[in-house]
Amino acid sequence: MLARPLRLPLAVAVSGAVLVTGSGCGGEAPRDSSDDAALADRARQVARAWDGSPAATAWRAGYHPTGETVRPPRGGLRGRADERAFEDGRFVLRGKLPGPGPRDGWVRWPGERALARPLVGADESYRSLAVSRAAAAEEPHLTVTRVERGEMRVATSRGPATVPAWLYTLDGYASPLKQAAVHPSKPPRPPIGRARDLPGLPLEQLVGTTADGRAVTVIALHSACDDGAVVKALETDGSVVLTPSVEKRDRDDDALCTSQAEMQRVTVELDRPVGERVLLDTLTGRPVPYKDMRGSKGVRGTTP
């Protein structure tokens, strides 16, 4: 299991979760054997609720990315300056963006019926890339010389799909930067509610899945007062339920615990490929959301 930590202020790191701290390290209580049993029981409840449910059927019928939806030019970006410009969203547009086009586009899987999804317009797409428009002229940036419609391949919960994309020609590059131009499906309403009175923090996001589907990488959260995050998997025919918890650290109860969380990349190996099984969070009872890692400064380690 690969775990590389990144410390961020708690308000930035934690989505929908609160970690109480004070003198001592009792904010997020380390798990014990009874916690382990309660979490394992909760994971089984989540699996039973989802397996064969209308929510699972709806999930498998939708478009849910599980891999990158923004892809740099073939061969990658050249040099750290261009990489930083991309990560920080420092783009300069030379010319005009395409006007409105079709309302919907098609997501296509090999051997399956195509799915119509609303398209992302060129302006919305560019704004999501160029998040630092006010960057000074002398700062490293990427210059966009042309924007056109095209396609790209995206890893999804149903396998690789071909989706509409915006192709950005960058000054100095022979191949374009690609960004998926179709909105994901809305997650279905979960058949089970959020867990109450259980230790730990929900998983922050899904980072990626290995090519063979036998490992998934997620971002887990834990406090600054423990020895890191642990993620276990409960596998069924219809789902993979991931249970986040923390490793206890032996320390003085009177030691100061700051209001700080750590984001930790954790790779979880599976007994068999994830396939079309739903990847679920034990604590929330919901699918683990995929998020683009662009701009996540300091997150070290590699994504399978």
Protein backbone atom coordinates (compact mmCIF):
# COMPACT_ATOMS: atom_id res chain seq x y z
CA MET A 1 0.00 0.00 0.00
CA LEU A 2 1.53 3.30 -1.10
CA ALA A 3 0.94 6.28 1.16
CA ARG A 4 2.44 9.71 0.54
CA PRO A 5 1.26 12.52 2.86
CA LEU A 6 0.50 16.16 2.14
CA ARG A 7 -0.29 18.53 4.96
CA LEU A 8 -2.88 21.22 4.31
CA PRO A 9 -4.96 23.48 6.56
CA LEU A 10 -7.97 21.52 7.72
CA ALA A 11 -10.47 23.90 6.16
CA VAL A 12 -8.89 23.28 2.77
CA ALA A 13 -8.33 19.56 3.11
CA VAL A 14 -11.59 18.29 4.54
CA SER A 15 -14.83 18.28 2.55
CA GLY A 16 -17.94 17.91 4.69
CA ALA A 17 -16.08 16.65 7.75
CA VAL A 18 -14.97 18.28 10.98
CA LEU A 19 -11.96 17.28 13.03
CA VAL A 20 -12.14 18.57 16.60
CA THR A 21 -8.79 19.36 18.21
CA GLY A 22 -7.48 20.93 21.35
CA SER A 23 -4.84 20.23 23.94
CA GLY A 24 -3.96 16.61 23.54
CA CYS A 25 -4.65 14.46 20.51
CA GLY A 26 -8.16 13.35 21.22
CA GLY A 27 -9.82 15.12 18.28
CA GLU A 28 -10.04 12.09 16.04
CA ALA A 29 -9.90 9.08 18.30
CA PRO A 30 -7.62 6.31 17.05
CA ARG A 31 -9.48 3.16 16.18
CA ASP A 32 -9.50 0.09 18.40
CA SER A 33 -10.82 -3.44 17.89
CA SER A 34 -14.41 -2.36 18.53
CA ASP A 35 -14.02 0.41 15.95
CA ASP A 36 -12.68 -2.11 13.44
CA ALA A 37 -15.67 -4.37 14.01
CA ALA A 38 -18.11 -1.47 13.66
CA LEU A 39 -16.47 -0.29 10.44
CA ALA A 40 -16.44 -3.81 8.99
CA ASP A 41 -20.13 -4.19 9.82
CA ARG A 42 -20.88 -0.83 8.22
CA ALA A 43 -19.01 -1.85 5.05
CA ARG A 44 -21.17 -4.97 4.79
CA GLN A 45 -24.30 -2.85 5.25
CA VAL A 46 -23.22 -0.52 2.44
CA ALA A 47 -22.51 -3.45 0.12
CA ARG A 48 -25.89 -5.08 0.86
CA ALA A 49 -27.72 -1.78 0.29
CA TRP A 50 -26.06 -1.12 -3.07
CA ASP A 51 -25.75 -4.58 -4.62
CA GLY A 52 -28.67 -5.14 -6.98
CA SER A 53 -30.26 -1.79 -6.08
CA PRO A 54 -31.86 0.72 -8.49
CA ALA A 55 -29.03 3.10 -7.55
CA ALA A 56 -26.43 0.60 -8.75
CA THR A 57 -28.34 0.10 -12.00
CA ALA A 58 -28.53 3.87 -12.52
CA TRP A 59 -24.82 4.25 -11.77
CA ARG A 60 -23.84 1.64 -14.35
CA ALA A 61 -26.02 3.33 -16.97
CA GLY A 62 -24.30 6.71 -16.54
CA TYR A 63 -21.06 8.41 -17.51
CA HIS A 64 -18.75 8.61 -14.50
CA PRO A 65 -15.05 9.33 -15.18
CA THR A 66 -12.51 7.41 -13.13
CA GLY A 67 -9.40 8.83 -14.82
CA GLU A 68 -7.99 12.05 -16.18
CA THR A 69 -10.31 14.29 -18.19
CA VAL A 70 -7.55 16.79 -18.98
CA ARG A 71 -4.60 15.41 -20.93
CA PRO A 72 -1.38 17.32 -21.74
CA PRO A 73 0.12 17.18 -25.25
CA ARG A 74 1.56 13.86 -26.37
CA GLY A 75 4.90 13.32 -24.66
CA GLY A 76 3.99 15.62 -21.77
CA LEU A 77 4.85 19.20 -21.00
CA ARG A 78 8.44 20.32 -21.55
CA GLY A 79 10.19 21.59 -18.46
CA ARG A 80 9.14 22.52 -14.98
CA ALA A 81 8.04 26.03 -16.02
CA ASP A 82 5.36 24.66 -18.35
CA GLU A 83 4.32 22.06 -15.80
CA ARG A 84 3.85 24.75 -13.15
CA ALA A 85 1.91 26.94 -15.56
CA PHE A 86 -0.42 24.02 -16.27
CA GLU A 87 -0.83 23.12 -12.59
CA ASP A 88 -1.50 26.74 -11.61
CA GLY A 89 -3.84 27.40 -14.54
CA ARG A 90 -1.73 30.12 -16.16
CA PHE A 91 -2.94 30.25 -19.76
CA VAL A 92 -2.97 33.08 -22.28
CA LEU A 93 -5.49 32.95 -25.13
CA ARG A 94 -4.32 34.24 -28.49
CA GLY A 95 -7.42 34.52 -30.64
CA LYS A 96 -11.09 33.71 -30.09
CA LEU A 97 -12.91 30.74 -28.65
CA PRO A 98 -15.39 28.81 -30.82
CA GLY A 99 -19.01 29.88 -30.54
CA PRO A 100 -21.95 27.80 -29.34
CA GLY A 101 -22.32 24.38 -30.87
CA PRO A 102 -24.60 21.37 -30.32
CA ARG A 103 -26.26 21.10 -26.94
CA ASP A 104 -25.47 17.41 -26.44
CA GLY A 105 -22.65 15.07 -27.35
CA TRP A 106 -22.26 11.30 -27.36
CA VAL A 107 -20.26 9.15 -24.97
CA ARG A 108 -19.37 5.87 -26.66
CA TRP A 109 -18.21 2.56 -25.19
CA PRO A 110 -17.08 -0.35 -27.39
CA GLY A 111 -19.99 -2.68 -28.09
CA GLU A 112 -22.47 -0.64 -26.03
CA ARG A 113 -25.19 1.86 -26.74
CA ALA A 114 -23.95 5.46 -26.82
CA LEU A 115 -25.08 7.88 -24.12
CA ALA A 116 -26.09 11.49 -24.81
CA ARG A 117 -24.74 14.03 -22.30
CA PRO A 118 -24.78 17.86 -22.19
CA LEU A 119 -21.69 19.41 -23.73
CA VAL A 120 -19.33 21.83 -22.00
CA GLY A 121 -18.98 25.03 -24.02
CA ALA A 122 -15.60 26.37 -25.11
CA ASP A 123 -15.81 29.35 -22.74
CA GLU A 124 -16.64 27.20 -19.71
CA SER A 125 -13.92 24.73 -20.65
CA TYR A 126 -11.27 27.42 -21.03
CA ARG A 127 -12.23 29.11 -17.76
CA SER A 128 -11.77 25.80 -15.94
CA LEU A 129 -8.23 25.60 -17.33
CA ALA A 130 -7.20 29.25 -17.07
CA VAL A 131 -7.91 29.77 -13.39
CA SER A 132 -5.06 32.31 -13.03
CA ARG A 133 -5.89 34.78 -15.79
CA ALA A 134 -4.39 37.64 -13.83
CA ALA A 135 -0.89 36.15 -13.87
CA ALA A 136 1.81 38.68 -14.63
CA ALA A 137 3.17 38.65 -18.16
CA GLU A 138 6.65 37.70 -16.97
CA GLU A 139 5.38 34.57 -15.19
CA PRO A 140 5.60 31.23 -17.00
CA HIS A 141 2.41 30.55 -18.92
CA LEU A 142 1.02 28.43 -21.73
CA THR A 143 -0.20 30.23 -24.84
CA VAL A 144 -3.29 28.83 -26.56
CA THR A 145 -3.19 29.55 -30.29
CA ARG A 146 -6.21 27.54 -31.40
CA VAL A 147 -9.24 25.77 -29.91
CA GLU A 148 -11.28 23.20 -31.82
CA ARG A 149 -13.67 20.34 -31.25
CA GLY A 150 -12.45 16.76 -31.20
CA GLU A 151 -12.51 13.58 -29.13
CA MET A 152 -10.50 11.83 -26.43
CA ARG A 153 -10.51 8.58 -24.50
CA VAL A 154 -11.52 8.67 -20.83
CA ALA A 155 -11.47 5.90 -18.22
CA THR A 156 -14.95 5.49 -16.75
CA SER A 157 -16.85 3.26 -14.34
CA ARG A 158 -18.00 1.33 -17.42
CA GLY A 159 -14.58 1.01 -19.00
CA PRO A 160 -12.78 3.21 -21.55
CA ALA A 161 -15.06 5.61 -23.42
CA THR A 162 -14.63 7.99 -26.34
CA VAL A 163 -16.03 11.41 -25.47
CA PRO A 164 -16.25 14.85 -27.10
CA ALA A 165 -13.30 17.06 -26.17
CA TRP A 166 -11.86 20.51 -26.65
CA LEU A 167 -8.45 20.42 -28.29
CA TYR A 168 -6.12 23.26 -27.29
CA THR A 169 -3.17 23.95 -29.57
CA LEU A 170 -0.33 25.30 -27.41
CA ASP A 171 2.47 27.46 -28.72
CA GLY A 172 5.56 25.29 -29.17
CA TYR A 173 3.76 21.93 -29.11
CA ALA A 174 2.96 19.68 -32.06
CA SER A 175 -0.03 17.91 -30.47
CA PRO A 176 -2.90 19.50 -28.52
CA LEU A 177 -3.86 19.54 -24.87
CA LYS A 178 -7.23 17.80 -24.55
CA GLN A 179 -10.09 18.39 -22.13
CA ALA A 180 -13.26 16.31 -22.01
CA ALA A 181 -16.21 18.41 -23.15
CA VAL A 182 -19.15 16.49 -21.73
CA HIS A 183 -20.71 16.72 -18.27
CA PRO A 184 -20.65 13.56 -16.11
CA SER A 185 -23.94 11.98 -15.06
CA LYS A 186 -25.39 13.02 -11.72
CA PRO A 187 -24.74 10.36 -9.07
CA PRO A 188 -27.89 8.45 -8.07
CA ARG A 189 -29.44 8.88 -4.66
CA PRO A 190 -27.68 6.35 -2.40
CA PRO A 191 -29.79 3.54 -0.92
CA ILE A 192 -28.13 4.02 2.49
CA GLY A 193 -27.47 7.11 4.58
CA ARG A 194 -24.23 8.50 5.95
CA ALA A 195 -22.73 6.68 8.93
CA ARG A 196 -23.08 8.31 12.33
CA ASP A 197 -20.84 7.92 15.37
CA LEU A 198 -18.12 6.02 13.52
CA PRO A 199 -14.45 7.05 13.66
CA GLY A 200 -12.53 8.40 10.70
CA LEU A 201 -12.98 10.84 7.85
CA PRO A 202 -14.56 10.05 4.46
CA LEU A 203 -12.33 9.54 1.46
CA GLU A 204 -11.57 12.81 -0.29
CA GLN A 205 -11.44 11.50 -3.85
CA LEU A 206 -10.56 8.80 -6.34
CA VAL A 207 -7.29 9.47 -8.15
CA GLY A 208 -7.16 6.61 -10.61
CA THR A 209 -7.30 2.92 -11.40
CA THR A 210 -4.53 0.72 -12.76
CA ALA A 211 -4.79 -0.46 -16.35
CA ASP A 212 -5.64 -3.99 -15.22
CA GLY A 213 -8.21 -2.72 -12.71
CA ARG A 214 -6.61 -4.57 -9.80
CA ALA A 215 -5.71 -1.48 -7.78
CA VAL A 216 -7.33 1.88 -7.09
CA THR A 217 -5.67 4.99 -5.72
CA VAL A 218 -7.56 7.35 -3.44
CA ILE A 219 -6.86 10.40 -1.32
CA ALA A 220 -7.56 9.67 2.35
CA LEU A 221 -7.58 12.13 5.24
CA HIS A 222 -6.26 11.83 8.76
CA SER A 223 -5.22 14.10 11.61
CA ALA A 224 -1.73 15.36 12.32
CA CYS A 225 -1.77 13.32 15.54
CA ASP A 226 -1.73 9.81 14.09
CA ASP A 227 0.55 7.65 11.95
CA GLY A 228 -1.38 7.84 8.71
CA ALA A 229 -4.41 6.60 6.85
CA VAL A 230 -5.33 2.99 6.17
CA VAL A 231 -7.88 1.96 3.53
CA LYS A 232 -9.35 -1.55 3.41
CA ALA A 233 -11.55 -3.01 0.67
CA LEU A 234 -14.61 -5.23 0.97
CA GLU A 235 -15.28 -6.81 -2.42
CA THR A 236 -18.58 -8.26 -3.62
CA ASP A 237 -19.86 -9.13 -7.07
CA GLY A 238 -21.48 -5.71 -7.38
CA SER A 239 -19.33 -3.32 -5.39
CA VAL A 240 -15.99 -2.48 -3.82
CA VAL A 241 -16.50 -0.79 -0.45
CA LEU A 242 -13.49 1.18 0.79
CA THR A 243 -13.12 1.73 4.52
CA PRO A 244 -10.80 4.58 5.62
CA SER A 245 -9.32 4.61 9.11
CA VAL A 246 -6.15 5.79 10.84
CA GLU A 247 -3.14 4.20 12.51
CA LYS A 248 -2.76 5.02 16.19
CA ARG A 249 0.32 6.94 17.30
CA ASP A 250 1.70 6.49 20.81
CA ARG A 251 2.18 9.96 22.26
CA ASP A 252 1.69 12.04 25.39
CA ASP A 253 -1.98 12.86 25.95
CA ASP A 254 -0.91 16.37 26.98
CA ALA A 255 0.90 17.01 23.70
CA LEU A 256 -0.50 19.80 21.56
CA CYS A 257 -2.51 18.69 18.53
CA THR A 258 -2.87 21.44 15.95
CA SER A 259 -5.96 21.93 13.80
CA GLN A 260 -4.33 20.35 10.80
CA ALA A 261 -5.12 17.46 8.49
CA GLU A 262 -3.01 15.41 6.15
CA MET A 263 -4.04 14.28 2.70
CA GLN A 264 -2.53 10.92 1.92
CA ARG A 265 -2.45 9.06 -1.37
CA VAL A 266 -3.23 5.40 -0.74
CA THR A 267 -3.21 2.61 -3.32
CA VAL A 268 -5.53 -0.29 -2.49
CA GLU A 269 -4.90 -3.65 -4.16
CA LEU A 270 -7.97 -5.70 -5.08
CA ASP A 271 -8.50 -9.45 -5.39
CA ARG A 272 -9.87 -9.00 -8.92
CA PRO A 273 -10.36 -6.14 -11.38
CA VAL A 274 -12.83 -3.52 -10.26
CA GLY A 275 -14.62 -3.75 -13.62
CA GLU A 276 -18.09 -2.20 -13.51
CA ARG A 277 -18.46 -2.64 -9.77
CA VAL A 278 -19.38 0.52 -7.87
CA LEU A 279 -16.52 1.97 -5.81
CA LEU A 280 -18.08 3.06 -2.50
CA ASP A 281 -17.07 4.89 0.68
CA THR A 282 -18.03 3.06 3.87
CA LEU A 283 -18.63 6.26 5.84
CA THR A 284 -20.72 8.19 3.31
CA GLY A 285 -22.42 5.23 1.64
CA ARG A 286 -21.81 7.00 -1.68
CA PRO A 287 -19.57 6.38 -4.71
CA VAL A 288 -16.05 7.74 -4.21
CA PRO A 289 -15.87 10.84 -6.46
CA TYR A 290 -13.15 11.20 -9.07
CA LYS A 291 -11.42 14.59 -9.06
CA ASP A 292 -8.68 16.03 -11.22
CA MET A 293 -5.39 16.24 -9.31
CA ARG A 294 -4.21 19.26 -11.31
CA GLY A 295 -3.14 22.00 -8.93
CA SER A 296 -2.77 19.70 -5.90
CA LYS A 297 0.65 21.01 -4.95
CA GLY A 298 2.84 18.81 -2.83
CA VAL A 299 1.03 15.55 -3.41
CA ARG A 300 3.90 13.17 -3.98
CA GLY A 301 4.01 9.66 -5.36
CA THR A 302 2.68 8.22 -8.56
CA THR A 303 -0.80 7.31 -9.64
CA PRO A 304 -1.11 3.85 -11.21
